[in-house]
Amino acid sequence: KWETRNTPWLEWWLEYLESEWKKAVNKDLWRQTLTF
């Protein structure tokens, strides 16, 4: 579950990617997302 008491991390991550980034996801980003 990717959220903490004050932060809906997954919701914000997807919002940012869809509104600002808009690119494909490679293997490095996929794995680094879990680490982050």
Full PDB file with SEQRES, HELIX, SHEET, SSBOND, CRYST1, ORIGX, SCALE, CONECT and MASTER records, all heavy atoms in Angstrom:
SEQRES   1 A   36  LYS TRP GLU THR ARG ASN THR PRO TRP LEU GLU TRP TRP          
SEQRES   2 A   36  LEU GLU TYR LEU GLU SER GLU TRP LYS LYS ALA VAL ASN          
SEQRES   3 A   36  LYS ASP LEU TRP ARG GLN THR LEU THR PHE                      
HELIX    1 AA1 TRP A    9  TYR A   16  1                                   8    
HELIX    2 AA2 LEU A   17  TRP A   21  3                                   5    
HELIX    3 AA3 LYS A   27  THR A   35  1                                   9    
CRYST1    1.000    1.000    1.000  90.00  90.00  90.00 P 1           1          
ORIGX1      1.000000  0.000000  0.000000        0.00000                         
ORIGX2      0.000000  1.000000  0.000000        0.00000                         
ORIGX3      0.000000  0.000000  1.000000        0.00000                         
SCALE1      1.000000  0.000000  0.000000        0.00000                         
SCALE2      0.000000  1.000000  0.000000        0.00000                         
SCALE3      0.000000  0.000000  1.000000        0.00000                         
ATOM      1  N   LYS A   1       0.853  -1.191   0.000  1.00  0.00           N  
ATOM      2  CA  LYS A   1       0.000   0.000   0.000  1.00  0.00           C  
ATOM      3  C   LYS A   1       0.885   1.237   0.000  1.00  0.00           C  
ATOM      4  O   LYS A   1       1.599   1.513   0.971  1.00  0.00           O  
ATOM      5  CB  LYS A   1      -0.897  -0.009   1.235  1.00  0.00           C  
ATOM      6  CG  LYS A   1      -1.943   1.098   1.262  1.00  0.00           C  
ATOM      7  CD  LYS A   1      -3.024   0.867   0.227  1.00  0.00           C  
ATOM      8  CE  LYS A   1      -4.182   1.833   0.398  1.00  0.00           C  
ATOM      9  NZ  LYS A   1      -5.202   1.646  -0.650  1.00  0.00           N  
ATOM     10  N   TRP A   2       0.811   2.024  -1.112  1.00  0.00           N  
ATOM     11  CA  TRP A   2       1.709   3.171  -1.245  1.00  0.00           C  
ATOM     12  C   TRP A   2       0.999   4.453  -0.824  1.00  0.00           C  
ATOM     13  O   TRP A   2       0.577   5.253  -1.641  1.00  0.00           O  
ATOM     14  CB  TRP A   2       2.230   3.294  -2.669  1.00  0.00           C  
ATOM     15  CG  TRP A   2       3.368   4.280  -2.788  1.00  0.00           C  
ATOM     16  CD1 TRP A   2       4.112   4.822  -1.780  1.00  0.00           C  
ATOM     17  CD2 TRP A   2       3.904   4.819  -3.998  1.00  0.00           C  
ATOM     18  NE1 TRP A   2       5.069   5.672  -2.265  1.00  0.00           N  
ATOM     19  CE2 TRP A   2       4.970   5.686  -3.634  1.00  0.00           C  
ATOM     20  CE3 TRP A   2       3.600   4.646  -5.347  1.00  0.00           C  
ATOM     21  CZ2 TRP A   2       5.718   6.385  -4.578  1.00  0.00           C  
ATOM     22  CZ3 TRP A   2       4.340   5.336  -6.287  1.00  0.00           C  
ATOM     23  CH2 TRP A   2       5.392   6.202  -5.912  1.00  0.00           C  
ATOM     24  N   GLU A   3       0.869   4.603   0.455  1.00  0.00           N  
ATOM     25  CA  GLU A   3       0.387   5.850   1.028  1.00  0.00           C  
ATOM     26  C   GLU A   3       0.829   5.904   2.486  1.00  0.00           C  
ATOM     27  O   GLU A   3       1.048   4.876   3.116  1.00  0.00           O  
ATOM     28  CB  GLU A   3      -1.143   5.975   0.918  1.00  0.00           C  
ATOM     29  CG  GLU A   3      -1.912   4.961   1.741  1.00  0.00           C  
ATOM     30  CD  GLU A   3      -3.429   5.150   1.627  1.00  0.00           C  
ATOM     31  OE1 GLU A   3      -3.894   5.567   0.543  1.00  0.00           O  
ATOM     32  OE2 GLU A   3      -4.132   4.888   2.609  1.00  0.00           O  
ATOM     33  N   THR A   4       0.981   7.116   2.963  1.00  0.00           N  
ATOM     34  CA  THR A   4       1.343   7.324   4.367  1.00  0.00           C  
ATOM     35  C   THR A   4       0.262   8.188   5.010  1.00  0.00           C  
ATOM     36  O   THR A   4      -0.707   8.584   4.349  1.00  0.00           O  
ATOM     37  CB  THR A   4       2.726   7.985   4.477  1.00  0.00           C  
ATOM     38  OG1 THR A   4       2.778   9.117   3.597  1.00  0.00           O  
ATOM     39  CG2 THR A   4       3.831   7.014   4.095  1.00  0.00           C  
ATOM     40  N   ARG A   5       0.433   8.486   6.272  1.00  0.00           N  
ATOM     41  CA  ARG A   5      -0.624   9.168   7.027  1.00  0.00           C  
ATOM     42  C   ARG A   5      -1.096  10.458   6.351  1.00  0.00           C  
ATOM     43  O   ARG A   5      -2.293  10.753   6.301  1.00  0.00           O  
ATOM     44  CB  ARG A   5      -0.119   9.472   8.445  1.00  0.00           C  
ATOM     45  CG  ARG A   5      -1.150  10.157   9.333  1.00  0.00           C  
ATOM     46  CD  ARG A   5      -0.621  10.329  10.744  1.00  0.00           C  
ATOM     47  NE  ARG A   5      -1.608  11.009  11.574  1.00  0.00           N  
ATOM     48  CZ  ARG A   5      -2.647  10.410  12.153  1.00  0.00           C  
ATOM     49  NH1 ARG A   5      -2.850   9.119  11.981  1.00  0.00           N  
ATOM     50  NH2 ARG A   5      -3.481  11.110  12.897  1.00  0.00           N  
ATOM     51  N   ASN A   6      -0.163  11.222   5.815  1.00  0.00           N  
ATOM     52  CA  ASN A   6      -0.512  12.525   5.234  1.00  0.00           C  
ATOM     53  C   ASN A   6      -0.335  12.608   3.724  1.00  0.00           C  
ATOM     54  O   ASN A   6      -0.493  13.683   3.148  1.00  0.00           O  
ATOM     55  CB  ASN A   6       0.343  13.622   5.894  1.00  0.00           C  
ATOM     56  CG  ASN A   6       0.089  13.725   7.382  1.00  0.00           C  
ATOM     57  OD1 ASN A   6      -1.045  13.948   7.805  1.00  0.00           O  
ATOM     58  ND2 ASN A   6       1.133  13.535   8.178  1.00  0.00           N  
ATOM     59  N   THR A   7       0.008  11.499   3.092  1.00  0.00           N  
ATOM     60  CA  THR A   7       0.347  11.579   1.670  1.00  0.00           C  
ATOM     61  C   THR A   7      -0.204  10.388   0.876  1.00  0.00           C  
ATOM     62  O   THR A   7       0.202   9.248   1.118  1.00  0.00           O  
ATOM     63  CB  THR A   7       1.878  11.621   1.470  1.00  0.00           C  
ATOM     64  OG1 THR A   7       2.432  12.627   2.329  1.00  0.00           O  
ATOM     65  CG2 THR A   7       2.213  11.928   0.025  1.00  0.00           C  
ATOM     66  N   PRO A   8      -1.098  10.645  -0.085  1.00  0.00           N  
ATOM     67  CA  PRO A   8      -1.563   9.581  -0.991  1.00  0.00           C  
ATOM     68  C   PRO A   8      -0.567   9.431  -2.148  1.00  0.00           C  
ATOM     69  O   PRO A   8      -0.807   9.877  -3.268  1.00  0.00           O  
ATOM     70  CB  PRO A   8      -2.911  10.118  -1.473  1.00  0.00           C  
ATOM     71  CG  PRO A   8      -2.741  11.604  -1.461  1.00  0.00           C  
ATOM     72  CD  PRO A   8      -1.806  11.920  -0.329  1.00  0.00           C  
ATOM     73  N   TRP A   9       0.555   8.781  -1.886  1.00  0.00           N  
ATOM     74  CA  TRP A   9       1.678   8.764  -2.831  1.00  0.00           C  
ATOM     75  C   TRP A   9       1.312   8.240  -4.216  1.00  0.00           C  
ATOM     76  O   TRP A   9       1.688   8.833  -5.232  1.00  0.00           O  
ATOM     77  CB  TRP A   9       2.836   7.939  -2.259  1.00  0.00           C  
ATOM     78  CG  TRP A   9       3.562   8.603  -1.136  1.00  0.00           C  
ATOM     79  CD1 TRP A   9       3.515   8.277   0.189  1.00  0.00           C  
ATOM     80  CD2 TRP A   9       4.442   9.728  -1.231  1.00  0.00           C  
ATOM     81  NE1 TRP A   9       4.306   9.116   0.935  1.00  0.00           N  
ATOM     82  CE2 TRP A   9       4.889  10.027   0.083  1.00  0.00           C  
ATOM     83  CE3 TRP A   9       4.888  10.519  -2.283  1.00  0.00           C  
ATOM     84  CZ2 TRP A   9       5.764  11.063   0.355  1.00  0.00           C  
ATOM     85  CZ3 TRP A   9       5.771  11.566  -2.020  1.00  0.00           C  
ATOM     86  CH2 TRP A   9       6.194  11.828  -0.719  1.00  0.00           C  
ATOM     87  N   LEU A  10       0.618   7.121  -4.277  1.00  0.00           N  
ATOM     88  CA  LEU A  10       0.294   6.550  -5.587  1.00  0.00           C  
ATOM     89  C   LEU A  10      -0.588   7.499  -6.383  1.00  0.00           C  
ATOM     90  O   LEU A  10      -0.361   7.708  -7.580  1.00  0.00           O  
ATOM     91  CB  LEU A  10      -0.405   5.195  -5.418  1.00  0.00           C  
ATOM     92  CG  LEU A  10      -0.862   4.533  -6.720  1.00  0.00           C  
ATOM     93  CD1 LEU A  10       0.318   4.262  -7.641  1.00  0.00           C  
ATOM     94  CD2 LEU A  10      -1.634   3.243  -6.438  1.00  0.00           C  
ATOM     95  N   GLU A  11      -1.581   8.075  -5.732  1.00  0.00           N  
ATOM     96  CA  GLU A  11      -2.470   9.027  -6.404  1.00  0.00           C  
ATOM     97  C   GLU A  11      -1.679  10.198  -6.971  1.00  0.00           C  
ATOM     98  O   GLU A  11      -1.874  10.611  -8.123  1.00  0.00           O  
ATOM     99  CB  GLU A  11      -3.519   9.517  -5.406  1.00  0.00           C  
ATOM    100  CG  GLU A  11      -4.487  10.546  -5.968  1.00  0.00           C  
ATOM    101  CD  GLU A  11      -5.410  11.090  -4.896  1.00  0.00           C  
ATOM    102  OE1 GLU A  11      -5.789  10.320  -3.981  1.00  0.00           O  
ATOM    103  OE2 GLU A  11      -5.740  12.295  -4.962  1.00  0.00           O  
ATOM    104  N   TRP A  12      -0.767  10.752  -6.178  1.00  0.00           N  
ATOM    105  CA  TRP A  12       0.031  11.886  -6.635  1.00  0.00           C  
ATOM    106  C   TRP A  12       1.001  11.478  -7.753  1.00  0.00           C  
ATOM    107  O   TRP A  12       1.209  12.237  -8.699  1.00  0.00           O  
ATOM    108  CB  TRP A  12       0.817  12.487  -5.466  1.00  0.00           C  
ATOM    109  CG  TRP A  12      -0.030  13.269  -4.510  1.00  0.00           C  
ATOM    110  CD1 TRP A  12      -1.382  13.464  -4.576  1.00  0.00           C  
ATOM    111  CD2 TRP A  12       0.433  13.961  -3.354  1.00  0.00           C  
ATOM    112  NE1 TRP A  12      -1.800  14.227  -3.519  1.00  0.00           N  
ATOM    113  CE2 TRP A  12      -0.702  14.557  -2.749  1.00  0.00           C  
ATOM    114  CE3 TRP A  12       1.670  14.126  -2.747  1.00  0.00           C  
ATOM    115  CZ2 TRP A  12      -0.624  15.310  -1.585  1.00  0.00           C  
ATOM    116  CZ3 TRP A  12       1.756  14.887  -1.587  1.00  0.00           C  
ATOM    117  CH2 TRP A  12       0.617  15.474  -1.008  1.00  0.00           C  
ATOM    118  N   TRP A  13       1.609  10.306  -7.611  1.00  0.00           N  
ATOM    119  CA  TRP A  13       2.560   9.818  -8.618  1.00  0.00           C  
ATOM    120  C   TRP A  13       1.869   9.686  -9.980  1.00  0.00           C  
ATOM    121  O   TRP A  13       2.391  10.160 -10.999  1.00  0.00           O  
ATOM    122  CB  TRP A  13       3.131   8.478  -8.160  1.00  0.00           C  
ATOM    123  CG  TRP A  13       4.034   7.756  -9.112  1.00  0.00           C  
ATOM    124  CD1 TRP A  13       3.816   6.520  -9.647  1.00  0.00           C  
ATOM    125  CD2 TRP A  13       5.304   8.172  -9.614  1.00  0.00           C  
ATOM    126  NE1 TRP A  13       4.858   6.148 -10.450  1.00  0.00           N  
ATOM    127  CE2 TRP A  13       5.803   7.157 -10.446  1.00  0.00           C  
ATOM    128  CE3 TRP A  13       6.075   9.324  -9.433  1.00  0.00           C  
ATOM    129  CZ2 TRP A  13       7.018   7.230 -11.107  1.00  0.00           C  
ATOM    130  CZ3 TRP A  13       7.301   9.414 -10.098  1.00  0.00           C  
ATOM    131  CH2 TRP A  13       7.755   8.380 -10.932  1.00  0.00           C  
ATOM    132  N   LEU A  14       0.699   9.075 -10.004  1.00  0.00           N  
ATOM    133  CA  LEU A  14      -0.019   8.899 -11.267  1.00  0.00           C  
ATOM    134  C   LEU A  14      -0.502  10.245 -11.814  1.00  0.00           C  
ATOM    135  O   LEU A  14      -0.468  10.478 -13.029  1.00  0.00           O  
ATOM    136  CB  LEU A  14      -1.200   7.943 -11.075  1.00  0.00           C  
ATOM    137  CG  LEU A  14      -0.829   6.502 -10.712  1.00  0.00           C  
ATOM    138  CD1 LEU A  14      -2.084   5.660 -10.521  1.00  0.00           C  
ATOM    139  CD2 LEU A  14       0.058   5.875 -11.784  1.00  0.00           C  
ATOM    140  N   GLU A  15      -0.950  11.123 -10.938  1.00  0.00           N  
ATOM    141  CA  GLU A  15      -1.380  12.449 -11.375  1.00  0.00           C  
ATOM    142  C   GLU A  15      -0.230  13.200 -12.035  1.00  0.00           C  
ATOM    143  O   GLU A  15      -0.400  13.821 -13.098  1.00  0.00           O  
ATOM    144  CB  GLU A  15      -1.904  13.249 -10.180  1.00  0.00           C  
ATOM    145  CG  GLU A  15      -2.374  14.655 -10.548  1.00  0.00           C  
ATOM    146  CD  GLU A  15      -2.771  15.487  -9.331  1.00  0.00           C  
ATOM    147  OE1 GLU A  15      -2.970  14.907  -8.236  1.00  0.00           O  
ATOM    148  OE2 GLU A  15      -2.858  16.733  -9.469  1.00  0.00           O  
ATOM    149  N   TYR A  16       0.945  13.136 -11.423  1.00  0.00           N  
ATOM    150  CA  TYR A  16       2.099  13.829 -11.989  1.00  0.00           C  
ATOM    151  C   TYR A  16       2.489  13.243 -13.348  1.00  0.00           C  
ATOM    152  O   TYR A  16       2.704  13.976 -14.322  1.00  0.00           O  
ATOM    153  CB  TYR A  16       3.297  13.754 -11.038  1.00  0.00           C  
ATOM    154  CG  TYR A  16       4.566  14.248 -11.679  1.00  0.00           C  
ATOM    155  CD1 TYR A  16       4.792  15.616 -11.850  1.00  0.00           C  
ATOM    156  CD2 TYR A  16       5.520  13.354 -12.166  1.00  0.00           C  
ATOM    157  CE1 TYR A  16       5.927  16.075 -12.486  1.00  0.00           C  
ATOM    158  CE2 TYR A  16       6.664  13.805 -12.802  1.00  0.00           C  
ATOM    159  CZ  TYR A  16       6.861  15.169 -12.964  1.00  0.00           C  
ATOM    160  OH  TYR A  16       7.987  15.622 -13.603  1.00  0.00           O  
ATOM    161  N   LEU A  17       2.585  11.937 -13.426  1.00  0.00           N  
ATOM    162  CA  LEU A  17       3.003  11.301 -14.680  1.00  0.00           C  
ATOM    163  C   LEU A  17       2.033  11.610 -15.813  1.00  0.00           C  
ATOM    164  O   LEU A  17       2.436  11.875 -16.949  1.00  0.00           O  
ATOM    165  CB  LEU A  17       3.127   9.786 -14.489  1.00  0.00           C  
ATOM    166  CG  LEU A  17       4.243   9.294 -13.560  1.00  0.00           C  
ATOM    167  CD1 LEU A  17       4.206   7.778 -13.468  1.00  0.00           C  
ATOM    168  CD2 LEU A  17       5.617   9.762 -14.028  1.00  0.00           C  
ATOM    169  N   GLU A  18       0.733  11.557 -15.511  1.00  0.00           N  
ATOM    170  CA  GLU A  18      -0.272  11.746 -16.552  1.00  0.00           C  
ATOM    171  C   GLU A  18      -0.400  13.205 -16.978  1.00  0.00           C  
ATOM    172  O   GLU A  18      -0.712  13.490 -18.141  1.00  0.00           O  
ATOM    173  CB  GLU A  18      -1.619  11.224 -16.052  1.00  0.00           C  
ATOM    174  CG  GLU A  18      -1.643   9.703 -15.916  1.00  0.00           C  
ATOM    175  CD  GLU A  18      -2.820   9.206 -15.100  1.00  0.00           C  
ATOM    176  OE1 GLU A  18      -3.666  10.042 -14.694  1.00  0.00           O  
ATOM    177  OE2 GLU A  18      -2.903   7.977 -14.865  1.00  0.00           O  
ATOM    178  N   SER A  19      -0.128  14.127 -16.073  1.00  0.00           N  
ATOM    179  CA  SER A  19      -0.301  15.548 -16.400  1.00  0.00           C  
ATOM    180  C   SER A  19       0.992  16.230 -16.844  1.00  0.00           C  
ATOM    181  O   SER A  19       0.964  17.172 -17.646  1.00  0.00           O  
ATOM    182  CB  SER A  19      -0.874  16.301 -15.201  1.00  0.00           C  
ATOM    183  OG  SER A  19       0.039  16.279 -14.105  1.00  0.00           O  
ATOM    184  N   GLU A  20       2.121  15.758 -16.340  1.00  0.00           N  
ATOM    185  CA  GLU A  20       3.385  16.450 -16.595  1.00  0.00           C  
ATOM    186  C   GLU A  20       4.377  15.650 -17.443  1.00  0.00           C  
ATOM    187  O   GLU A  20       5.085  16.204 -18.281  1.00  0.00           O  
ATOM    188  CB  GLU A  20       4.055  16.805 -15.253  1.00  0.00           C  
ATOM    189  CG  GLU A  20       3.182  17.613 -14.307  1.00  0.00           C  
ATOM    190  CD  GLU A  20       2.939  19.030 -14.789  1.00  0.00           C  
ATOM    191  OE1 GLU A  20       3.781  19.539 -15.547  1.00  0.00           O  
ATOM    192  OE2 GLU A  20       1.915  19.617 -14.401  1.00  0.00           O  
ATOM    193  N   TRP A  21       4.441  14.364 -17.222  1.00  0.00           N  
ATOM    194  CA  TRP A  21       5.519  13.582 -17.841  1.00  0.00           C  
ATOM    195  C   TRP A  21       5.098  12.980 -19.181  1.00  0.00           C  
ATOM    196  O   TRP A  21       5.744  13.160 -20.197  1.00  0.00           O  
ATOM    197  CB  TRP A  21       5.992  12.504 -16.872  1.00  0.00           C  
ATOM    198  CG  TRP A  21       7.359  11.988 -17.172  1.00  0.00           C  
ATOM    199  CD1 TRP A  21       8.509  12.717 -17.225  1.00  0.00           C  
ATOM    200  CD2 TRP A  21       7.719  10.640 -17.469  1.00  0.00           C  
ATOM    201  NE1 TRP A  21       9.579  11.908 -17.524  1.00  0.00           N  
ATOM    202  CE2 TRP A  21       9.126  10.621 -17.680  1.00  0.00           C  
ATOM    203  CE3 TRP A  21       7.022   9.457 -17.568  1.00  0.00           C  
ATOM    204  CZ2 TRP A  21       9.811   9.461 -17.987  1.00  0.00           C  
ATOM    205  CZ3 TRP A  21       7.704   8.298 -17.867  1.00  0.00           C  
ATOM    206  CH2 TRP A  21       9.085   8.299 -18.076  1.00  0.00           C  
ATOM    207  N   LYS A  22       4.031  12.183 -19.170  1.00  0.00           N  
ATOM    208  CA  LYS A  22       3.388  11.662 -20.390  1.00  0.00           C  
ATOM    209  C   LYS A  22       4.322  10.848 -21.287  1.00  0.00           C  
ATOM    210  O   LYS A  22       4.276  10.970 -22.508  1.00  0.00           O  
ATOM    211  CB  LYS A  22       2.795  12.822 -21.199  1.00  0.00           C  
ATOM    212  CG  LYS A  22       1.793  13.672 -20.436  1.00  0.00           C  
ATOM    213  CD  LYS A  22       1.325  14.839 -21.266  1.00  0.00           C  
ATOM    214  CE  LYS A  22       0.374  15.732 -20.494  1.00  0.00           C  
ATOM    215  NZ  LYS A  22      -0.074  16.900 -21.279  1.00  0.00           N  
ATOM    216  N   LYS A  23       5.185  10.035 -20.708  1.00  0.00           N  
ATOM    217  CA  LYS A  23       6.095   9.205 -21.498  1.00  0.00           C  
ATOM    218  C   LYS A  23       5.946   7.730 -21.108  1.00  0.00           C  
ATOM    219  O   LYS A  23       5.326   7.405 -20.104  1.00  0.00           O  
ATOM    220  CB  LYS A  23       7.553   9.643 -21.276  1.00  0.00           C  
ATOM    221  CG  LYS A  23       7.850  11.053 -21.737  1.00  0.00           C  
ATOM    222  CD  LYS A  23       9.299  11.406 -21.455  1.00  0.00           C  
ATOM    223  CE  LYS A  23       9.611  12.842 -21.837  1.00  0.00           C  
ATOM    224  NZ  LYS A  23      11.018  13.214 -21.518  1.00  0.00           N  
ATOM    225  N   ALA A  24       6.553   6.852 -21.898  1.00  0.00           N  
ATOM    226  CA  ALA A  24       6.535   5.426 -21.603  1.00  0.00           C  
ATOM    227  C   ALA A  24       7.409   5.125 -20.394  1.00  0.00           C  
ATOM    228  O   ALA A  24       8.260   5.939 -19.999  1.00  0.00           O  
ATOM    229  CB  ALA A  24       7.007   4.628 -22.817  1.00  0.00           C  
ATOM    230  N   VAL A  25       7.195   3.951 -19.814  1.00  0.00           N  
ATOM    231  CA  VAL A  25       7.912   3.553 -18.595  1.00  0.00           C  
ATOM    232  C   VAL A  25       8.890   2.434 -18.946  1.00  0.00           C  
ATOM    233  O   VAL A  25       8.479   1.358 -19.397  1.00  0.00           O  
ATOM    234  CB  VAL A  25       6.924   3.071 -17.511  1.00  0.00           C  
ATOM    235  CG1 VAL A  25       7.676   2.559 -16.285  1.00  0.00           C  
ATOM    236  CG2 VAL A  25       5.973   4.206 -17.129  1.00  0.00           C  
ATOM    237  N   ASN A  26      10.177   2.694 -18.740  1.00  0.00           N  
ATOM    238  CA  ASN A  26      11.175   1.654 -19.019  1.00  0.00           C  
ATOM    239  C   ASN A  26      11.474   0.840 -17.753  1.00  0.00           C  
ATOM    240  O   ASN A  26      10.940   1.111 -16.674  1.00  0.00           O  
ATOM    241  CB  ASN A  26      12.455   2.256 -19.616  1.00  0.00           C  
ATOM    242  CG  ASN A  26      13.145   3.227 -18.668  1.00  0.00           C  
ATOM    243  OD1 ASN A  26      12.941   3.197 -17.451  1.00  0.00           O  
ATOM    244  ND2 ASN A  26      13.975   4.094 -19.217  1.00  0.00           N  
ATOM    245  N   LYS A  27      12.347  -0.136 -17.917  1.00  0.00           N  
ATOM    246  CA  LYS A  27      12.639  -1.052 -16.817  1.00  0.00           C  
ATOM    247  C   LYS A  27      13.245  -0.347 -15.622  1.00  0.00           C  
ATOM    248  O   LYS A  27      12.902  -0.632 -14.464  1.00  0.00           O  
ATOM    249  CB  LYS A  27      13.578  -2.166 -17.310  1.00  0.00           C  
ATOM    250  CG  LYS A  27      13.884  -3.243 -16.281  1.00  0.00           C  
ATOM    251  CD  LYS A  27      14.762  -4.322 -16.902  1.00  0.00           C  
ATOM    252  CE  LYS A  27      15.070  -5.440 -15.923  1.00  0.00           C  
ATOM    253  NZ  LYS A  27      15.920  -6.496 -16.559  1.00  0.00           N  
ATOM    254  N   ASP A  28      14.168   0.582 -15.874  1.00  0.00           N  
ATOM    255  CA  ASP A  28      14.829   1.286 -14.776  1.00  0.00           C  
ATOM    256  C   ASP A  28      13.823   2.106 -13.969  1.00  0.00           C  
ATOM    257  O   ASP A  28      13.834   2.063 -12.736  1.00  0.00           O  
ATOM    258  CB  ASP A  28      15.935   2.191 -15.317  1.00  0.00           C  
ATOM    259  CG  ASP A  28      16.665   2.932 -14.202  1.00  0.00           C  
ATOM    260  OD1 ASP A  28      17.242   2.257 -13.327  1.00  0.00           O  
ATOM    261  OD2 ASP A  28      16.646   4.173 -14.201  1.00  0.00           O  
ATOM    262  N   LEU A  29      12.938   2.823 -14.663  1.00  0.00           N  
ATOM    263  CA  LEU A  29      11.942   3.625 -13.941  1.00  0.00           C  
ATOM    264  C   LEU A  29      10.978   2.729 -13.188  1.00  0.00           C  
ATOM    265  O   LEU A  29      10.596   3.046 -12.049  1.00  0.00           O  
ATOM    266  CB  LEU A  29      11.174   4.522 -14.917  1.00  0.00           C  
ATOM    267  CG  LEU A  29      10.055   5.355 -14.281  1.00  0.00           C  
ATOM    268  CD1 LEU A  29      10.587   6.211 -13.143  1.00  0.00           C  
ATOM    269  CD2 LEU A  29       9.375   6.224 -15.336  1.00  0.00           C  
ATOM    270  N   TRP A  30      10.591   1.609 -13.773  1.00  0.00           N  
ATOM    271  CA  TRP A  30       9.683   0.677 -13.093  1.00  0.00           C  
ATOM    272  C   TRP A  30      10.298   0.213 -11.765  1.00  0.00           C  
ATOM    273  O   TRP A  30       9.637   0.241 -10.725  1.00  0.00           O  
ATOM    274  CB  TRP A  30       9.407  -0.522 -14.002  1.00  0.00           C  
ATOM    275  CG  TRP A  30       8.500  -1.559 -13.397  1.00  0.00           C  
ATOM    276  CD1 TRP A  30       8.880  -2.699 -12.741  1.00  0.00           C  
ATOM    277  CD2 TRP A  30       7.064  -1.547 -13.385  1.00  0.00           C  
ATOM    278  NE1 TRP A  30       7.780  -3.412 -12.323  1.00  0.00           N  
ATOM    279  CE2 TRP A  30       6.650  -2.732 -12.706  1.00  0.00           C  
ATOM    280  CE3 TRP A  30       6.100  -0.677 -13.881  1.00  0.00           C  
ATOM    281  CZ2 TRP A  30       5.299  -3.048 -12.521  1.00  0.00           C  
ATOM    282  CZ3 TRP A  30       4.749  -0.999 -13.694  1.00  0.00           C  
ATOM    283  CH2 TRP A  30       4.372  -2.162 -13.014  1.00  0.00           C  
ATOM    284  N   ARG A  31      11.550  -0.173 -11.803  1.00  0.00           N  
ATOM    285  CA  ARG A  31      12.194  -0.685 -10.587  1.00  0.00           C  
ATOM    286  C   ARG A  31      12.513   0.423  -9.587  1.00  0.00           C  
ATOM    287  O   ARG A  31      12.369   0.249  -8.376  1.00  0.00           O  
ATOM    288  CB  ARG A  31      13.463  -1.452 -10.959  1.00  0.00           C  
ATOM    289  CG  ARG A  31      13.166  -2.721 -11.755  1.00  0.00           C  
ATOM    290  CD  ARG A  31      14.346  -3.671 -11.792  1.00  0.00           C  
ATOM    291  NE  ARG A  31      13.964  -4.945 -12.387  1.00  0.00           N  
ATOM    292  CZ  ARG A  31      14.707  -6.041 -12.340  1.00  0.00           C  
ATOM    293  NH1 ARG A  31      15.888  -6.011 -11.739  1.00  0.00           N  
ATOM    294  NH2 ARG A  31      14.289  -7.163 -12.889  1.00  0.00           N  
ATOM    295  N   GLN A  32      12.938   1.575 -10.095  1.00  0.00           N  
ATOM    296  CA  GLN A  32      13.255   2.686  -9.201  1.00  0.00           C  
ATOM    297  C   GLN A  32      11.996   3.235  -8.526  1.00  0.00           C  
ATOM    298  O   GLN A  32      12.069   3.778  -7.418  1.00  0.00           O  
ATOM    299  CB  GLN A  32      13.962   3.802  -9.975  1.00  0.00           C  
ATOM    300  CG  GLN A  32      15.388   3.487 -10.376  1.00  0.00           C  
ATOM    301  CD  GLN A  32      16.323   3.397  -9.173  1.00  0.00           C  
ATOM    302  OE1 GLN A  32      16.133   4.076  -8.176  1.00  0.00           O  
ATOM    303  NE2 GLN A  32      17.328   2.534  -9.262  1.00  0.00           N  
ATOM    304  N   THR A  33      10.857   3.078  -9.179  1.00  0.00           N  
ATOM    305  CA  THR A  33       9.595   3.506  -8.556  1.00  0.00           C  
ATOM    306  C   THR A  33       9.330   2.703  -7.287  1.00  0.00           C  
ATOM    307  O   THR A  33       8.899   3.259  -6.267  1.00  0.00           O  
ATOM    308  CB  THR A  33       8.420   3.353  -9.539  1.00  0.00           C  
ATOM    309  OG1 THR A  33       8.648   4.188 -10.685  1.00  0.00           O  
ATOM    310  CG2 THR A  33       7.103   3.751  -8.888  1.00  0.00           C  
ATOM    311  N   LEU A  34       9.597   1.410  -7.319  1.00  0.00           N  
ATOM    312  CA  LEU A  34       9.423   0.593  -6.117  1.00  0.00           C  
ATOM    313  C   LEU A  34      10.399   1.033  -5.028  1.00  0.00           C  
ATOM    314  O   LEU A  34      10.015   1.161  -3.852  1.00  0.00           O  
ATOM    315  CB  LEU A  34       9.629  -0.886  -6.437  1.00  0.00           C  
ATOM    316  CG  LEU A  34       9.627  -1.842  -5.229  1.00  0.00           C  
ATOM    317  CD1 LEU A  34       8.333  -1.729  -4.432  1.00  0.00           C  
ATOM    318  CD2 LEU A  34       9.874  -3.281  -5.668  1.00  0.00           C  
ATOM    319  N   THR A  35      11.649   1.262  -5.402  1.00  0.00           N  
ATOM    320  CA  THR A  35      12.647   1.714  -4.414  1.00  0.00           C  
ATOM    321  C   THR A  35      12.220   3.038  -3.788  1.00  0.00           C  
ATOM    322  O   THR A  35      12.303   3.219  -2.564  1.00  0.00           O  
ATOM    323  CB  THR A  35      14.023   1.866  -5.077  1.00  0.00           C  
ATOM    324  OG1 THR A  35      14.400   0.622  -5.676  1.00  0.00           O  
ATOM    325  CG2 THR A  35      15.077   2.258  -4.057  1.00  0.00           C  
ATOM    326  N   PHE A  36      11.751   3.959  -4.628  1.00  0.00           N  
ATOM    327  CA  PHE A  36      11.296   5.258  -4.138  1.00  0.00           C  
ATOM    328  C   PHE A  36      10.080   5.095  -3.226  1.00  0.00           C  
ATOM    329  O   PHE A  36       9.989   5.738  -2.170  1.00  0.00           O  
ATOM    330  CB  PHE A  36      10.951   6.155  -5.327  1.00  0.00           C  
ATOM    331  CG  PHE A  36      10.465   7.525  -4.944  1.00  0.00           C  
ATOM    332  CD1 PHE A  36      11.350   8.479  -4.453  1.00  0.00           C  
ATOM    333  CD2 PHE A  36       9.127   7.867  -5.070  1.00  0.00           C  
ATOM    334  CE1 PHE A  36      10.897   9.754  -4.098  1.00  0.00           C  
ATOM    335  CE2 PHE A  36       8.672   9.128  -4.716  1.00  0.00           C  
ATOM    336  CZ  PHE A  36       9.559  10.077  -4.230  1.00  0.00           C  
TER     337      PHE A  36                                                      
MASTER        0    0    0    3    0    0    0    6  336    1    0    3          
END                                                                             
